[in-house]
Amino acid sequence: MVEIPGTGVPIIGHQLAWLAAEGVTDAVVSCGHLAEVLQEWLAATELPLRVSCVVEKEPLGRGGGLKFAAASLPRPDEPWYATNGDIWTRFSLRTMAAFHQERGADATLALARPHMPWGAVETDQFGHVVDFIEAPPSPYLINAGVYVFSAAFRDLLPERGDHERATFPRLARQRRLAGFPLPQGAYWRAIDTAKDLTEAAKELSRG
């Protein structure tokens, strides 16, 4: 519910607009602490797709919460998307869904290569500093918090706990987990700090 400065719209509003633009017609929003704040905003806002809310009465963990929310999907026999609530991104979900289907995976993760929050120092073989690189891209891909799941994936989730520590490693060992690298030029940012909000607002102003 944190607003992107200059837009008057919270992060979830930008997410729902993106999902609708990608052809998503129905969304299930999972709520926990202070659920009423989110529910009030959803009820008072003209939304570009149909939205239903589910509220965890007690914390179920990321995997348990995902399974709880998935029980309210309007078409449980079809593949479905999921996204974390603290990211702001733009890329083709249709392309990701095709990637997922081609690999016959039970789950596909979007993978991002975020820019590091620090500058990097480059040296030569003799230990001389030769260059400074401001906020270089990370050498590692990370889980971008956007997913495509098969219809059967819900049954693989824990009732409680974290699917990233249980379900995902098991699927990886079985080669049933795929990773979709975000295309070059795709926008992705995690909104974790006040600085992230400021940077996101600057990027939005630049289009």
C-alpha atoms as a PDB file:
ATOM      1  CA  MET A   1       0.000   0.000   0.000  1.00  0.00           C
ATOM      2  CA  VAL A   2       3.025   2.319  -0.093  1.00  0.00           C
ATOM      3  CA  GLU A   3       2.520   4.950  -2.793  1.00  0.00           C
ATOM      4  CA  ILE A   4       5.041   5.574  -5.541  1.00  0.00           C
ATOM      5  CA  PRO A   5       5.841   9.309  -5.147  1.00  0.00           C
ATOM      6  CA  GLY A   6       4.261  11.479  -7.781  1.00  0.00           C
ATOM      7  CA  THR A   7       1.628   8.922  -8.809  1.00  0.00           C
ATOM      8  CA  GLY A   8      -0.806   8.853  -5.884  1.00  0.00           C
ATOM      9  CA  VAL A   9      -1.100   5.103  -6.544  1.00  0.00           C
ATOM     10  CA  PRO A  10       0.152   2.361  -4.189  1.00  0.00           C
ATOM     11  CA  ILE A  11       2.392  -0.430  -5.426  1.00  0.00           C
ATOM     12  CA  ILE A  12      -0.529  -2.847  -5.686  1.00  0.00           C
ATOM     13  CA  GLY A  13      -2.324  -0.427  -8.038  1.00  0.00           C
ATOM     14  CA  HIS A  14       0.633  -0.474 -10.410  1.00  0.00           C
ATOM     15  CA  GLN A  15       0.792  -4.273 -10.152  1.00  0.00           C
ATOM     16  CA  LEU A  16      -2.888  -4.756 -10.962  1.00  0.00           C
ATOM     17  CA  ALA A  17      -2.617  -2.370 -13.924  1.00  0.00           C
ATOM     18  CA  TRP A  18       0.312  -4.388 -15.267  1.00  0.00           C
ATOM     19  CA  LEU A  19      -1.505  -7.706 -14.806  1.00  0.00           C
ATOM     20  CA  ALA A  20      -4.579  -6.384 -16.601  1.00  0.00           C
ATOM     21  CA  ALA A  21      -2.440  -5.060 -19.461  1.00  0.00           C
ATOM     22  CA  GLU A  22      -0.968  -8.567 -19.778  1.00  0.00           C
ATOM     23  CA  GLY A  23      -4.415 -10.118 -20.206  1.00  0.00           C
ATOM     24  CA  VAL A  24      -5.112 -11.202 -16.626  1.00  0.00           C
ATOM     25  CA  THR A  25      -8.852 -10.937 -15.875  1.00  0.00           C
ATOM     26  CA  ASP A  26      -9.029 -12.153 -12.249  1.00  0.00           C
ATOM     27  CA  ALA A  27      -6.740 -11.667  -9.265  1.00  0.00           C
ATOM     28  CA  VAL A  28      -6.762 -13.021  -5.720  1.00  0.00           C
ATOM     29  CA  VAL A  29      -5.089 -10.696  -3.208  1.00  0.00           C
ATOM     30  CA  SER A  30      -3.739 -12.344  -0.088  1.00  0.00           C
ATOM     31  CA  CYS A  31      -3.870 -10.176   3.047  1.00  0.00           C
ATOM     32  CA  GLY A  32      -2.649 -10.528   6.592  1.00  0.00           C
ATOM     33  CA  HIS A  33      -1.681  -7.784   9.041  1.00  0.00           C
ATOM     34  CA  LEU A  34      -3.792  -4.615   8.542  1.00  0.00           C
ATOM     35  CA  ALA A  35      -5.844  -6.372   5.874  1.00  0.00           C
ATOM     36  CA  GLU A  36      -8.624  -3.825   6.281  1.00  0.00           C
ATOM     37  CA  VAL A  37      -6.422  -1.048   4.839  1.00  0.00           C
ATOM     38  CA  LEU A  38      -5.905  -3.007   1.652  1.00  0.00           C
ATOM     39  CA  GLN A  39      -9.539  -4.123   1.470  1.00  0.00           C
ATOM     40  CA  GLU A  40     -10.780  -0.543   1.842  1.00  0.00           C
ATOM     41  CA  TRP A  41      -8.539   0.665  -0.964  1.00  0.00           C
ATOM     42  CA  LEU A  42      -9.606  -2.159  -3.272  1.00  0.00           C
ATOM     43  CA  ALA A  43     -13.295  -1.491  -2.535  1.00  0.00           C
ATOM     44  CA  ALA A  44     -12.968   2.245  -3.195  1.00  0.00           C
ATOM     45  CA  THR A  45     -10.885   2.011  -6.380  1.00  0.00           C
ATOM     46  CA  GLU A  46     -11.974   1.414  -9.968  1.00  0.00           C
ATOM     47  CA  LEU A  47      -9.868  -1.602 -10.900  1.00  0.00           C
ATOM     48  CA  PRO A  48      -8.961  -2.898 -14.370  1.00  0.00           C
ATOM     49  CA  LEU A  49      -9.758  -6.536 -13.469  1.00  0.00           C
ATOM     50  CA  ARG A  50     -11.856  -8.571 -11.051  1.00  0.00           C
ATOM     51  CA  VAL A  51     -10.266  -8.815  -7.610  1.00  0.00           C
ATOM     52  CA  SER A  52     -11.167 -10.945  -4.608  1.00  0.00           C
ATOM     53  CA  CYS A  53      -9.464 -10.805  -1.205  1.00  0.00           C
ATOM     54  CA  VAL A  54      -8.528 -13.590   1.173  1.00  0.00           C
ATOM     55  CA  VAL A  55      -7.342 -12.898   4.715  1.00  0.00           C
ATOM     56  CA  GLU A  56      -5.065 -15.183   6.732  1.00  0.00           C
ATOM     57  CA  LYS A  57      -6.414 -15.360  10.276  1.00  0.00           C
ATOM     58  CA  GLU A  58      -2.952 -16.396  11.419  1.00  0.00           C
ATOM     59  CA  PRO A  59       0.384 -16.297   9.570  1.00  0.00           C
ATOM     60  CA  LEU A  60       0.779 -19.349   7.339  1.00  0.00           C
ATOM     61  CA  GLY A  61       4.198 -18.537   5.888  1.00  0.00           C
ATOM     62  CA  ARG A  62       4.840 -17.724   2.259  1.00  0.00           C
ATOM     63  CA  GLY A  63       4.046 -21.202   0.970  1.00  0.00           C
ATOM     64  CA  GLY A  64       1.027 -21.712   3.200  1.00  0.00           C
ATOM     65  CA  GLY A  65      -0.298 -18.263   2.316  1.00  0.00           C
ATOM     66  CA  LEU A  66       0.101 -18.983  -1.381  1.00  0.00           C
ATOM     67  CA  LYS A  67      -1.782 -22.273  -1.028  1.00  0.00           C
ATOM     68  CA  PHE A  68      -4.531 -20.558   0.958  1.00  0.00           C
ATOM     69  CA  ALA A  69      -4.936 -17.869  -1.711  1.00  0.00           C
ATOM     70  CA  ALA A  70      -4.828 -20.412  -4.557  1.00  0.00           C
ATOM     71  CA  ALA A  71      -7.902 -22.119  -3.101  1.00  0.00           C
ATOM     72  CA  SER A  72      -9.890 -19.043  -4.233  1.00  0.00           C
ATOM     73  CA  LEU A  73      -8.720 -19.042  -7.853  1.00  0.00           C
ATOM     74  CA  PRO A  74     -11.754 -18.812 -10.175  1.00  0.00           C
ATOM     75  CA  ARG A  75     -10.336 -21.441 -12.582  1.00  0.00           C
ATOM     76  CA  PRO A  76      -8.339 -23.896 -10.444  1.00  0.00           C
ATOM     77  CA  ASP A  77      -7.781 -26.305 -13.351  1.00  0.00           C
ATOM     78  CA  GLU A  78      -5.686 -23.772 -15.311  1.00  0.00           C
ATOM     79  CA  PRO A  79      -2.114 -22.475 -14.872  1.00  0.00           C
ATOM     80  CA  TRP A  80      -1.829 -19.293 -12.819  1.00  0.00           C
ATOM     81  CA  TYR A  81       0.501 -16.407 -12.109  1.00  0.00           C
ATOM     82  CA  ALA A  82       1.677 -15.182  -8.722  1.00  0.00           C
ATOM     83  CA  THR A  83       3.662 -12.114  -7.725  1.00  0.00           C
ATOM     84  CA  ASN A  84       5.155 -10.738  -4.538  1.00  0.00           C
ATOM     85  CA  GLY A  85       3.536  -7.595  -3.210  1.00  0.00           C
ATOM     86  CA  ASP A  86       6.690  -5.481  -2.898  1.00  0.00           C
ATOM     87  CA  ILE A  87       7.990  -5.384  -6.459  1.00  0.00           C
ATOM     88  CA  TRP A  88       7.330  -3.139  -9.424  1.00  0.00           C
ATOM     89  CA  THR A  89       8.023  -4.627 -12.827  1.00  0.00           C
ATOM     90  CA  ARG A  90       7.059  -4.592 -16.491  1.00  0.00           C
ATOM     91  CA  PHE A  91       7.700  -7.465 -18.915  1.00  0.00           C
ATOM     92  CA  SER A  92       5.666  -9.866 -21.057  1.00  0.00           C
ATOM     93  CA  LEU A  93       3.847 -12.414 -18.911  1.00  0.00           C
ATOM     94  CA  ARG A  94       2.627 -14.094 -22.092  1.00  0.00           C
ATOM     95  CA  THR A  95       6.223 -14.784 -23.121  1.00  0.00           C
ATOM     96  CA  MET A  96       6.961 -16.176 -19.664  1.00  0.00           C
ATOM     97  CA  ALA A  97       3.867 -18.403 -19.811  1.00  0.00           C
ATOM     98  CA  ALA A  98       4.971 -19.777 -23.194  1.00  0.00           C
ATOM     99  CA  PHE A  99       8.454 -20.459 -21.753  1.00  0.00           C
ATOM    100  CA  HIS A 100       6.838 -22.310 -18.829  1.00  0.00           C
ATOM    101  CA  GLN A 101       4.651 -24.411 -21.111  1.00  0.00           C
ATOM    102  CA  GLU A 102       7.488 -25.318 -23.472  1.00  0.00           C
ATOM    103  CA  ARG A 103       9.477 -26.760 -20.585  1.00  0.00           C
ATOM    104  CA  GLY A 104       6.595 -28.692 -19.048  1.00  0.00           C
ATOM    105  CA  ALA A 105       7.489 -27.253 -15.648  1.00  0.00           C
ATOM    106  CA  ASP A 106       5.360 -27.303 -12.509  1.00  0.00           C
ATOM    107  CA  ALA A 107       6.682 -23.860 -11.605  1.00  0.00           C
ATOM    108  CA  THR A 108       8.646 -21.148 -13.406  1.00  0.00           C
ATOM    109  CA  LEU A 109      10.421 -18.269 -11.669  1.00  0.00           C
ATOM    110  CA  ALA A 110      11.191 -14.942 -13.301  1.00  0.00           C
ATOM    111  CA  LEU A 111      14.882 -14.207 -12.810  1.00  0.00           C
ATOM    112  CA  ALA A 112      16.309 -10.684 -12.514  1.00  0.00           C
ATOM    113  CA  ARG A 113      19.843  -9.345 -12.452  1.00  0.00           C
ATOM    114  CA  PRO A 114      19.462  -6.269 -10.228  1.00  0.00           C
ATOM    115  CA  HIS A 115      21.966  -3.459 -10.021  1.00  0.00           C
ATOM    116  CA  MET A 116      24.105  -3.637  -6.903  1.00  0.00           C
ATOM    117  CA  PRO A 117      23.520  -0.812  -4.404  1.00  0.00           C
ATOM    118  CA  TRP A 118      27.268  -0.093  -4.212  1.00  0.00           C
ATOM    119  CA  GLY A 119      29.847   1.028  -6.698  1.00  0.00           C
ATOM    120  CA  ALA A 120      32.409  -1.534  -7.825  1.00  0.00           C
ATOM    121  CA  VAL A 121      36.175  -1.161  -8.114  1.00  0.00           C
ATOM    122  CA  GLU A 122      38.009  -2.809 -10.998  1.00  0.00           C
ATOM    123  CA  THR A 123      41.695  -3.667 -10.656  1.00  0.00           C
ATOM    124  CA  ASP A 124      44.331  -5.086 -12.954  1.00  0.00           C
ATOM    125  CA  GLN A 125      46.471  -8.171 -12.323  1.00  0.00           C
ATOM    126  CA  PHE A 126      48.995  -6.098 -10.391  1.00  0.00           C
ATOM    127  CA  GLY A 127      46.449  -4.672  -7.958  1.00  0.00           C
ATOM    128  CA  HIS A 128      46.224  -1.218  -9.527  1.00  0.00           C
ATOM    129  CA  VAL A 129      42.772   0.371  -9.543  1.00  0.00           C
ATOM    130  CA  VAL A 130      41.815   0.936 -13.173  1.00  0.00           C
ATOM    131  CA  ASP A 131      38.137   1.896 -12.992  1.00  0.00           C
ATOM    132  CA  PHE A 132      35.122   2.672 -10.815  1.00  0.00           C
ATOM    133  CA  ILE A 133      31.734   1.303 -11.879  1.00  0.00           C
ATOM    134  CA  GLU A 134      28.649   2.906 -10.360  1.00  0.00           C
ATOM    135  CA  ALA A 135      25.910   0.408  -9.369  1.00  0.00           C
ATOM    136  CA  PRO A 136      26.928  -2.434 -11.720  1.00  0.00           C
ATOM    137  CA  PRO A 137      24.564  -5.321 -12.454  1.00  0.00           C
ATOM    138  CA  SER A 138      24.884  -8.251 -10.074  1.00  0.00           C
ATOM    139  CA  PRO A 139      26.869 -11.226 -11.416  1.00  0.00           C
ATOM    140  CA  TYR A 140      24.063 -13.479 -10.122  1.00  0.00           C
ATOM    141  CA  LEU A 141      20.459 -13.961 -11.186  1.00  0.00           C
ATOM    142  CA  ILE A 142      17.904 -13.695  -8.379  1.00  0.00           C
ATOM    143  CA  ASN A 143      14.310 -14.775  -7.897  1.00  0.00           C
ATOM    144  CA  ALA A 144      12.338 -11.763  -9.184  1.00  0.00           C
ATOM    145  CA  GLY A 145       9.163 -12.669  -7.266  1.00  0.00           C
ATOM    146  CA  VAL A 146       6.963 -13.371 -10.325  1.00  0.00           C
ATOM    147  CA  TYR A 147       5.854 -16.915 -11.080  1.00  0.00           C
ATOM    148  CA  VAL A 148       3.897 -19.148 -13.437  1.00  0.00           C
ATOM    149  CA  PHE A 149       2.471 -22.239 -11.774  1.00  0.00           C
ATOM    150  CA  SER A 150       0.803 -25.324 -13.204  1.00  0.00           C
ATOM    151  CA  ALA A 151      -2.686 -26.144 -11.974  1.00  0.00           C
ATOM    152  CA  ALA A 152      -1.211 -29.047  -9.973  1.00  0.00           C
ATOM    153  CA  PHE A 153       1.312 -26.830  -8.168  1.00  0.00           C
ATOM    154  CA  ARG A 154      -1.174 -25.896  -5.441  1.00  0.00           C
ATOM    155  CA  ASP A 155      -1.130 -29.478  -4.141  1.00  0.00           C
ATOM    156  CA  LEU A 156       2.680 -29.327  -3.854  1.00  0.00           C
ATOM    157  CA  LEU A 157       2.610 -26.333  -1.508  1.00  0.00           C
ATOM    158  CA  PRO A 158       2.896 -26.740   2.267  1.00  0.00           C
ATOM    159  CA  GLU A 159      -0.080 -25.956   4.501  1.00  0.00           C
ATOM    160  CA  ARG A 160       2.329 -23.846   6.527  1.00  0.00           C
ATOM    161  CA  GLY A 161       5.850 -22.693   5.889  1.00  0.00           C
ATOM    162  CA  ASP A 162       7.986 -21.479   3.015  1.00  0.00           C
ATOM    163  CA  HIS A 163       7.705 -23.009  -0.459  1.00  0.00           C
ATOM    164  CA  GLU A 164      11.101 -21.559  -1.402  1.00  0.00           C
ATOM    165  CA  ARG A 165      12.753 -23.754   1.235  1.00  0.00           C
ATOM    166  CA  ALA A 166      10.663 -26.874   0.671  1.00  0.00           C
ATOM    167  CA  THR A 167       8.735 -27.109  -2.608  1.00  0.00           C
ATOM    168  CA  PHE A 168      11.164 -25.299  -4.912  1.00  0.00           C
ATOM    169  CA  PRO A 169      14.301 -27.297  -3.947  1.00  0.00           C
ATOM    170  CA  ARG A 170      12.401 -30.568  -4.423  1.00  0.00           C
ATOM    171  CA  LEU A 171      11.152 -29.513  -7.861  1.00  0.00           C
ATOM    172  CA  ALA A 172      14.648 -28.337  -8.810  1.00  0.00           C
ATOM    173  CA  ARG A 173      16.102 -31.775  -7.997  1.00  0.00           C
ATOM    174  CA  GLN A 174      13.403 -33.333 -10.190  1.00  0.00           C
ATOM    175  CA  ARG A 175      14.049 -30.831 -13.039  1.00  0.00           C
ATOM    176  CA  ARG A 176      10.455 -29.585 -12.762  1.00  0.00           C
ATOM    177  CA  LEU A 177      11.389 -25.998 -11.862  1.00  0.00           C
ATOM    178  CA  ALA A 178      12.244 -23.537 -14.637  1.00  0.00           C
ATOM    179  CA  GLY A 179      13.887 -20.109 -14.552  1.00  0.00           C
ATOM    180  CA  PHE A 180      12.850 -17.368 -16.990  1.00  0.00           C
ATOM    181  CA  PRO A 181      15.500 -14.610 -17.288  1.00  0.00           C
ATOM    182  CA  LEU A 182      13.845 -11.227 -17.694  1.00  0.00           C
ATOM    183  CA  PRO A 183      14.423  -9.891 -21.212  1.00  0.00           C
ATOM    184  CA  GLN A 184      17.049  -7.205 -21.685  1.00  0.00           C
ATOM    185  CA  GLY A 185      15.490  -3.817 -21.017  1.00  0.00           C
ATOM    186  CA  ALA A 186      12.682  -5.218 -18.840  1.00  0.00           C
ATOM    187  CA  TYR A 187      11.953  -3.052 -15.808  1.00  0.00           C
ATOM    188  CA  TRP A 188      12.208  -4.624 -12.345  1.00  0.00           C
ATOM    189  CA  ARG A 189      12.657  -3.126  -8.906  1.00  0.00           C
ATOM    190  CA  ALA A 190      12.074  -4.408  -5.387  1.00  0.00           C
ATOM    191  CA  ILE A 191      10.534  -1.725  -3.162  1.00  0.00           C
ATOM    192  CA  ASP A 192      12.262  -2.365   0.167  1.00  0.00           C
ATOM    193  CA  THR A 193      13.386   1.064   1.333  1.00  0.00           C
ATOM    194  CA  ALA A 194      12.536   4.757   1.069  1.00  0.00           C
ATOM    195  CA  LYS A 195      15.440   5.075  -1.379  1.00  0.00           C
ATOM    196  CA  ASP A 196      13.810   2.437  -3.611  1.00  0.00           C
ATOM    197  CA  LEU A 197      10.640   4.550  -3.699  1.00  0.00           C
ATOM    198  CA  THR A 198      12.588   7.648  -4.657  1.00  0.00           C
ATOM    199  CA  GLU A 199      14.478   5.811  -7.391  1.00  0.00           C
ATOM    200  CA  ALA A 200      11.269   4.244  -8.709  1.00  0.00           C
ATOM    201  CA  ALA A 201       9.650   7.676  -8.948  1.00  0.00           C
ATOM    202  CA  LYS A 202      12.660   8.993 -10.901  1.00  0.00           C
ATOM    203  CA  GLU A 203      12.529   6.046 -13.272  1.00  0.00           C
ATOM    204  CA  LEU A 204       8.803   6.527 -13.780  1.00  0.00           C
ATOM    205  CA  SER A 205       9.328  10.204 -14.657  1.00  0.00           C
ATOM    206  CA  ARG A 206      11.871   9.108 -17.297  1.00  0.00           C
ATOM    207  CA  GLY A 207       9.319   6.675 -18.749  1.00  0.00           C
END
